[in-house]
Amino acid sequence: MNQPVKMVFLDAVTVEPVDNLAEISSLGEYTGYPATPPARRIERIRGHNVVITNKVGIDREVLDACPEVELVCIVATGMNNVDLDYAAQKGVAVKNVAGYSTESVTQCTFAMLFYLLNASRYYDDFVKSGRYAASPVFTHLGRKFHELAGLQFGIIGMGAIGRRVADVASAFGARVAYTSTSGKNLDVPGYACLPLEDLLGRSDIVSIHCPLNDRTRNLLSESRLALMKPTAYLLNMGRGGIVDEAALARLLDRDRLAGAALDVLSSEPIAAASPLLSVRNPEKLYITPHIAWASVEARRRLISCTARNIQSHFSGA
C-alpha cells in the first residue's frame, strides 16, 4: 500500500459471522459497525478513504460531505445503492463483487422449489402432528406432488446464476427456456430464448434471476402474472420490485397459481402490512429473508474478493 488505508464497514452484520474478515481489517485502519442508519452515515464515514457497504446508500449528500472518500466497496453484486454517475464525477472508484454467490443462489433456488413442488410443509406437519402415528396405513398421499423431469422450466435473466440454474434444471430432466431482460445472452447454446409473455404462458416453473433496474421494475405485473398456468410455480431470487407482490397475493388467493417462493421482497425487512403475510393459503407461499446469496462459502468468497478490490485500488494494479 502506498498510502494509509482507513476503512469503515457500515453494515458488517450483513456478512457476519465469517472467519476471514481479517483479510480486510488487516489492510489498514479498520472500523466496523453492525448497522448504520441514514442519519449517521456522514459522521461515520468522515476520516475514512474507503467505505465498505452492503446496503447502506452512498449518494450525493454523502459524497459531497466526505471528500476524502476515494473508494466505495460494495460487498454485493448489485450496485443500485450507490450513485454511480456522481461518484464518477467526484473521482470516487466503486467496486462490487460478481460471481461469488452463484452456487449459493442456485442451491437455494432448488431448495425452495422442491419445498413447494413436493408439498414438504404439508407432509412434515402430517407426521409431526401425530396423524401419521395414528394411521393404519404405511403411507399417506394427502397432497399431489410432481417430478421436475419433463416440466417446462422458464428462467428470467440468463446471466451466470441463470445459466447455472438452467444447467441444474436440465440435469433433473426439465425442459429449459429463458428470456433476456437486458437484450444480451440471446443465443445461449442448448436453451431456447423466448419473449417474456410466451415464457410465462408455457412454463410450469418460472424462476427470476435478473437485476432490478428500469427495465425490470414491476416486470411481472398482474396482467403478466395472469398469463401463467394455474398449476405453475413462481420463484423470485432476483430482486424485490420485479414482481407485483399485491397482485401475486391475489392470484394465490384465487388459486390462479400453484405456489410461489420469494427470497427477495420490495421492502426488506418485509412490511408488516404486506399482503403476502395474509394470503389465505400460506402453504402455497414460501418466503425466506434474503438469504440465498449467503452460504458460508459465498460470504467467505465475498470478503476475500472485497479485500482484493481494496488491495488492487491502492497498489494501482
Protein backbone atom coordinates (compact mmCIF):
# COMPACT_ATOMS: atom_id res chain seq x y z
CA MET A 1 0.00 0.00 0.00
CA ASN A 2 1.36 3.42 -0.98
CA GLN A 3 -0.74 5.43 1.49
CA PRO A 4 -2.62 4.85 4.73
CA VAL A 5 -5.86 2.98 4.28
CA LYS A 6 -8.66 3.96 6.61
CA MET A 7 -11.69 1.75 6.16
CA VAL A 8 -15.19 1.84 7.58
CA PHE A 9 -17.66 -1.01 7.15
CA LEU A 10 -21.13 0.49 7.59
CA ASP A 11 -23.21 -2.69 7.89
CA ALA A 12 -20.91 -5.55 8.80
CA VAL A 13 -23.74 -7.56 10.35
CA THR A 14 -24.96 -8.34 6.83
CA VAL A 15 -22.00 -10.66 6.22
CA GLU A 16 -21.06 -11.81 9.72
CA PRO A 17 -20.24 -14.24 11.13
CA VAL A 18 -17.36 -15.04 8.81
CA ASP A 19 -13.94 -16.31 9.78
CA ASN A 20 -11.96 -14.33 7.20
CA LEU A 21 -12.89 -10.71 7.93
CA ALA A 22 -9.23 -10.17 8.90
CA GLU A 23 -8.45 -10.26 5.19
CA ILE A 24 -10.00 -6.78 5.11
CA SER A 25 -9.21 -5.46 8.59
CA SER A 26 -5.51 -6.27 8.23
CA LEU A 27 -5.15 -3.95 5.24
CA GLY A 28 -5.16 -0.77 7.32
CA GLU A 29 -7.08 1.09 9.99
CA TYR A 30 -10.46 -0.60 10.21
CA THR A 31 -13.72 0.37 11.90
CA GLY A 32 -16.80 -1.78 11.62
CA TYR A 33 -20.40 -1.06 12.58
CA PRO A 34 -23.11 -3.73 12.67
CA ALA A 35 -25.55 -1.32 11.00
CA THR A 36 -25.68 2.36 10.12
CA PRO A 37 -28.89 4.39 9.91
CA PRO A 38 -29.03 7.01 7.12
CA ALA A 39 -28.70 9.88 9.58
CA ARG A 40 -25.34 8.59 10.84
CA ARG A 41 -23.65 7.78 7.53
CA ILE A 42 -21.67 11.01 7.21
CA GLU A 43 -20.32 11.12 10.76
CA ARG A 44 -19.14 7.52 10.50
CA ILE A 45 -17.59 7.89 7.05
CA ARG A 46 -15.67 11.11 7.74
CA GLY A 47 -11.95 10.49 8.15
CA HIS A 48 -12.01 7.30 6.08
CA ASN A 49 -10.89 6.91 2.48
CA VAL A 50 -12.54 3.52 1.97
CA VAL A 51 -16.24 2.89 2.57
CA ILE A 52 -17.45 -0.71 2.69
CA THR A 53 -21.19 -1.17 2.36
CA ASN A 54 -23.68 -3.85 1.53
CA LYS A 55 -26.98 -1.97 1.51
CA VAL A 56 -26.27 1.42 3.14
CA GLY A 57 -26.79 4.08 0.48
CA ILE A 58 -23.93 6.27 -0.75
CA ASP A 59 -25.44 9.27 -2.51
CA ARG A 60 -24.61 12.89 -3.42
CA GLU A 61 -25.08 14.06 0.14
CA VAL A 62 -22.52 11.59 1.45
CA LEU A 63 -20.01 12.11 -1.35
CA ASP A 64 -20.17 15.90 -1.03
CA ALA A 65 -19.78 15.79 2.75
CA CYS A 66 -16.90 13.28 2.71
CA PRO A 67 -14.39 14.41 0.06
CA GLU A 68 -11.67 12.13 1.49
CA VAL A 69 -13.50 9.04 0.22
CA GLU A 70 -11.74 7.59 -2.79
CA LEU A 71 -13.08 4.04 -2.87
CA VAL A 72 -16.50 2.54 -2.19
CA CYS A 73 -16.51 -1.24 -1.91
CA ILE A 74 -19.89 -2.89 -2.25
CA VAL A 75 -19.96 -6.29 -0.60
CA ALA A 76 -22.56 -7.47 -3.09
CA THR A 77 -23.10 -7.66 -6.83
CA GLY A 78 -25.92 -5.13 -7.12
CA MET A 79 -24.76 -1.51 -7.20
CA ASN A 80 -28.08 0.35 -7.03
CA ASN A 81 -27.34 1.67 -3.51
CA VAL A 82 -24.55 3.91 -4.83
CA ASP A 83 -24.96 6.95 -7.08
CA LEU A 84 -22.51 5.67 -9.66
CA ASP A 85 -22.69 8.67 -12.00
CA TYR A 86 -22.00 11.16 -9.25
CA ALA A 87 -19.23 9.01 -7.79
CA ALA A 88 -17.56 9.01 -11.21
CA GLN A 89 -17.87 12.80 -11.39
CA LYS A 90 -16.19 13.06 -8.00
CA GLY A 91 -13.42 10.67 -8.97
CA VAL A 92 -14.54 8.05 -6.46
CA ALA A 93 -13.93 4.45 -7.52
CA VAL A 94 -16.75 1.98 -6.90
CA LYS A 95 -16.09 -1.75 -6.88
CA ASN A 96 -18.52 -4.60 -6.39
CA VAL A 97 -18.10 -8.38 -6.32
CA ALA A 98 -19.60 -10.53 -9.04
CA GLY A 99 -19.96 -14.29 -9.22
CA TYR A 100 -19.39 -15.10 -5.56
CA SER A 101 -22.95 -16.30 -4.88
CA THR A 102 -23.76 -18.35 -7.97
CA GLU A 103 -23.66 -21.74 -6.26
CA SER A 104 -25.45 -20.49 -3.15
CA VAL A 105 -28.33 -18.91 -5.08
CA THR A 106 -28.64 -21.93 -7.33
CA GLN A 107 -28.85 -24.29 -4.35
CA CYS A 108 -31.48 -22.14 -2.64
CA THR A 109 -33.49 -21.91 -5.86
CA PHE A 110 -33.97 -25.65 -5.93
CA ALA A 111 -34.38 -25.97 -2.17
CA MET A 112 -37.31 -23.54 -2.36
CA LEU A 113 -38.74 -25.14 -5.49
CA PHE A 114 -38.73 -28.65 -4.04
CA TYR A 115 -40.26 -27.42 -0.79
CA LEU A 116 -43.28 -26.34 -2.83
CA LEU A 117 -43.24 -28.98 -5.55
CA ASN A 118 -43.06 -31.87 -3.05
CA ALA A 119 -45.59 -30.35 -0.62
CA SER A 120 -42.90 -30.65 2.03
CA ARG A 121 -44.61 -28.45 4.61
CA TYR A 122 -47.80 -30.49 4.46
CA TYR A 123 -46.09 -33.86 4.84
CA ASP A 124 -43.77 -32.70 7.60
CA ASP A 125 -46.74 -31.28 9.51
CA PHE A 126 -48.69 -34.52 8.95
CA VAL A 127 -46.03 -36.61 10.63
CA LYS A 128 -45.23 -34.21 13.47
CA SER A 129 -48.91 -33.65 14.30
CA GLY A 130 -49.26 -37.30 15.31
CA ARG A 131 -51.62 -38.15 12.46
CA TYR A 132 -49.13 -40.50 10.82
CA ALA A 133 -48.56 -42.35 14.09
CA ALA A 134 -52.31 -42.89 14.33
CA SER A 135 -52.67 -44.04 10.72
CA PRO A 136 -53.39 -47.71 9.91
CA VAL A 137 -51.61 -47.31 6.55
CA PHE A 138 -47.86 -47.15 5.89
CA THR A 139 -48.18 -44.18 3.51
CA HIS A 140 -50.24 -41.02 3.19
CA LEU A 141 -50.89 -39.21 -0.07
CA GLY A 142 -52.80 -36.17 1.07
CA ARG A 143 -51.17 -33.81 -1.43
CA LYS A 144 -50.18 -34.36 -5.03
CA PHE A 145 -46.57 -33.81 -5.97
CA HIS A 146 -44.85 -33.95 -9.31
CA GLU A 147 -41.49 -34.75 -10.78
CA LEU A 148 -39.38 -31.93 -12.15
CA ALA A 149 -38.34 -34.16 -15.05
CA GLY A 150 -40.37 -33.26 -18.11
CA LEU A 151 -41.66 -29.94 -16.78
CA GLN A 152 -41.07 -26.67 -18.63
CA PHE A 153 -38.66 -24.52 -16.64
CA GLY A 154 -38.58 -20.84 -17.57
CA ILE A 155 -35.75 -18.54 -16.50
CA ILE A 156 -35.95 -14.75 -16.49
CA GLY A 157 -32.39 -13.45 -16.74
CA MET A 158 -29.67 -15.63 -18.23
CA GLY A 159 -26.56 -14.30 -16.52
CA ALA A 160 -24.16 -16.50 -14.57
CA ILE A 161 -26.77 -17.56 -12.00
CA GLY A 162 -29.49 -18.10 -14.60
CA ARG A 163 -27.19 -20.32 -16.63
CA ARG A 164 -26.22 -22.38 -13.62
CA VAL A 165 -29.89 -22.82 -12.69
CA ALA A 166 -30.59 -23.84 -16.30
CA ASP A 167 -27.89 -26.49 -16.17
CA VAL A 168 -29.15 -27.93 -12.88
CA ALA A 169 -32.78 -27.92 -14.06
CA SER A 170 -31.67 -29.75 -17.21
CA ALA A 171 -29.84 -32.31 -15.08
CA PHE A 172 -33.15 -33.03 -13.34
CA GLY A 173 -34.73 -33.60 -16.74
CA ALA A 174 -36.64 -30.34 -17.08
CA ARG A 175 -37.05 -28.62 -20.44
CA VAL A 176 -35.45 -25.19 -20.07
CA ALA A 177 -36.14 -21.93 -21.89
CA TYR A 178 -35.33 -18.37 -20.94
CA THR A 179 -35.97 -14.73 -21.65
CA SER A 180 -33.40 -11.95 -21.60
CA THR A 181 -34.29 -8.71 -19.81
CA SER A 182 -31.12 -6.93 -20.95
CA GLY A 183 -31.15 -7.79 -24.63
CA LYS A 184 -27.93 -9.74 -24.10
CA ASN A 185 -27.42 -13.51 -23.94
CA LEU A 186 -29.87 -14.06 -26.78
CA ASP A 187 -28.13 -17.17 -28.09
CA VAL A 188 -27.20 -19.44 -25.17
CA PRO A 189 -26.35 -22.87 -26.57
CA GLY A 190 -28.81 -25.58 -25.62
CA TYR A 191 -31.60 -23.29 -24.46
CA ALA A 192 -34.40 -21.56 -26.33
CA CYS A 193 -34.81 -17.80 -25.88
CA LEU A 194 -38.46 -16.76 -25.80
CA PRO A 195 -40.34 -13.47 -25.45
CA LEU A 196 -41.40 -12.94 -21.83
CA GLU A 197 -45.11 -13.42 -22.46
CA ASP A 198 -44.51 -16.72 -24.25
CA LEU A 199 -42.22 -17.92 -21.48
CA LEU A 200 -44.80 -17.12 -18.81
CA GLY A 201 -47.59 -18.88 -20.68
CA ARG A 202 -45.64 -22.05 -21.39
CA SER A 203 -43.70 -22.61 -18.18
CA ASP A 204 -44.55 -24.88 -15.27
CA ILE A 205 -41.88 -23.10 -13.22
CA VAL A 206 -40.74 -19.51 -13.69
CA SER A 207 -37.51 -18.58 -11.89
CA ILE A 208 -36.34 -14.95 -11.76
CA HIS A 209 -32.59 -14.24 -11.82
CA CYS A 210 -32.33 -10.73 -13.21
CA PRO A 211 -31.34 -7.44 -11.52
CA LEU A 212 -33.73 -4.66 -10.59
CA ASN A 213 -33.50 -1.72 -12.98
CA ASP A 214 -35.74 0.47 -15.11
CA ARG A 215 -36.42 -2.43 -17.50
CA THR A 216 -37.34 -4.95 -14.81
CA ARG A 217 -39.18 -2.89 -12.19
CA ASN A 218 -42.70 -4.36 -11.89
CA LEU A 219 -41.81 -6.66 -14.80
CA LEU A 220 -44.24 -9.27 -13.53
CA SER A 221 -47.30 -7.09 -13.28
CA GLU A 222 -50.72 -8.53 -12.55
CA SER A 223 -51.51 -8.88 -16.26
CA ARG A 224 -48.28 -10.80 -16.88
CA LEU A 225 -48.65 -12.98 -13.79
CA ALA A 226 -52.12 -13.85 -15.06
CA LEU A 227 -50.51 -15.38 -18.16
CA MET A 228 -49.02 -18.16 -16.03
CA LYS A 229 -50.68 -21.54 -15.75
CA PRO A 230 -52.80 -22.10 -12.62
CA THR A 231 -50.56 -25.13 -12.00
CA ALA A 232 -47.32 -23.13 -12.28
CA TYR A 233 -44.83 -22.03 -9.62
CA LEU A 234 -43.08 -18.68 -9.43
CA LEU A 235 -39.64 -18.25 -7.84
CA ASN A 236 -38.08 -14.82 -7.28
CA MET A 237 -34.39 -15.00 -6.49
CA GLY A 238 -33.55 -11.75 -8.27
CA ARG A 239 -34.73 -8.59 -6.55
CA GLY A 240 -37.88 -7.36 -4.87
CA GLY A 241 -39.74 -4.88 -7.03
CA ILE A 242 -39.62 -7.15 -10.08
CA VAL A 243 -42.88 -8.82 -9.00
CA ASP A 244 -46.10 -7.02 -8.13
CA GLU A 245 -46.49 -8.57 -4.68
CA ALA A 246 -50.08 -7.46 -4.10
CA ALA A 247 -51.08 -9.00 -7.42
CA LEU A 248 -49.20 -12.18 -6.56
CA ALA A 249 -51.09 -12.45 -3.26
CA ARG A 250 -54.40 -12.02 -5.07
CA LEU A 251 -53.58 -14.71 -7.64
CA LEU A 252 -52.54 -17.14 -4.93
CA ASP A 253 -55.78 -16.49 -3.06
CA ARG A 254 -57.75 -17.14 -6.24
CA ASP A 255 -55.85 -20.40 -6.91
CA ARG A 256 -54.50 -18.89 -10.11
CA LEU A 257 -51.01 -20.13 -9.22
CA ALA A 258 -49.90 -23.36 -7.59
CA GLY A 259 -47.36 -21.59 -5.44
CA ALA A 260 -44.61 -19.02 -5.13
CA ALA A 261 -41.23 -18.85 -3.40
CA LEU A 262 -39.62 -15.49 -2.68
CA ASP A 263 -36.18 -14.80 -1.26
CA VAL A 264 -36.37 -11.09 -2.12
CA LEU A 265 -39.08 -8.53 -1.43
CA SER A 266 -39.92 -4.97 -2.42
CA SER A 267 -39.41 -3.93 1.21
CA GLU A 268 -36.68 -5.58 3.27
CA PRO A 269 -37.39 -6.40 6.04
CA ILE A 270 -40.90 -7.24 4.90
CA ALA A 271 -43.53 -4.60 5.60
CA ALA A 272 -45.79 -5.57 8.49
CA ALA A 273 -48.81 -4.78 6.30
CA SER A 274 -47.56 -6.77 3.29
CA PRO A 275 -50.41 -8.68 1.61
CA LEU A 276 -48.02 -11.62 1.38
CA LEU A 277 -48.38 -12.13 5.13
CA SER A 278 -52.12 -12.63 4.92
CA VAL A 279 -52.64 -14.97 1.98
CA ARG A 280 -55.46 -17.41 2.62
CA ASN A 281 -53.38 -20.49 1.81
CA PRO A 282 -49.97 -19.81 3.38
CA GLU A 283 -48.67 -23.27 2.44
CA LYS A 284 -48.64 -22.05 -1.18
CA LEU A 285 -46.17 -19.28 -0.36
CA TYR A 286 -42.61 -19.80 0.87
CA ILE A 287 -40.64 -16.70 1.89
CA THR A 288 -37.05 -16.51 3.15
CA PRO A 289 -35.34 -13.32 4.42
CA HIS A 290 -32.95 -12.63 1.52
CA ILE A 291 -30.56 -15.46 2.35
CA ALA A 292 -29.98 -17.17 -1.00
CA TRP A 293 -26.71 -15.31 -1.59
CA ALA A 294 -25.31 -16.04 1.85
CA SER A 295 -23.95 -19.54 2.26
CA VAL A 296 -20.85 -19.63 4.48
CA GLU A 297 -18.73 -20.33 1.42
CA ALA A 298 -20.26 -17.47 -0.57
CA ARG A 299 -19.65 -14.97 2.23
CA ARG A 300 -16.03 -16.10 2.53
CA ARG A 301 -15.57 -15.54 -1.20
CA LEU A 302 -17.24 -12.15 -0.89
CA ILE A 303 -14.86 -10.97 1.84
CA SER A 304 -11.80 -12.29 0.02
CA CYS A 305 -12.81 -10.55 -3.21
CA THR A 306 -13.51 -7.29 -1.37
CA ALA A 307 -10.06 -7.43 0.22
CA ARG A 308 -8.55 -7.90 -3.24
CA ASN A 309 -10.55 -4.91 -4.52
CA ILE A 310 -9.04 -2.73 -1.81
CA GLN A 311 -5.53 -4.03 -2.41
CA SER A 312 -5.73 -3.54 -6.16
CA HIS A 313 -7.01 0.02 -5.79
CA PHE A 314 -4.17 1.15 -3.57
CA SER A 315 -1.47 -0.83 -5.37
CA GLY A 316 -2.51 0.56 -8.73
CA ALA A 317 -2.98 -2.94 -10.10
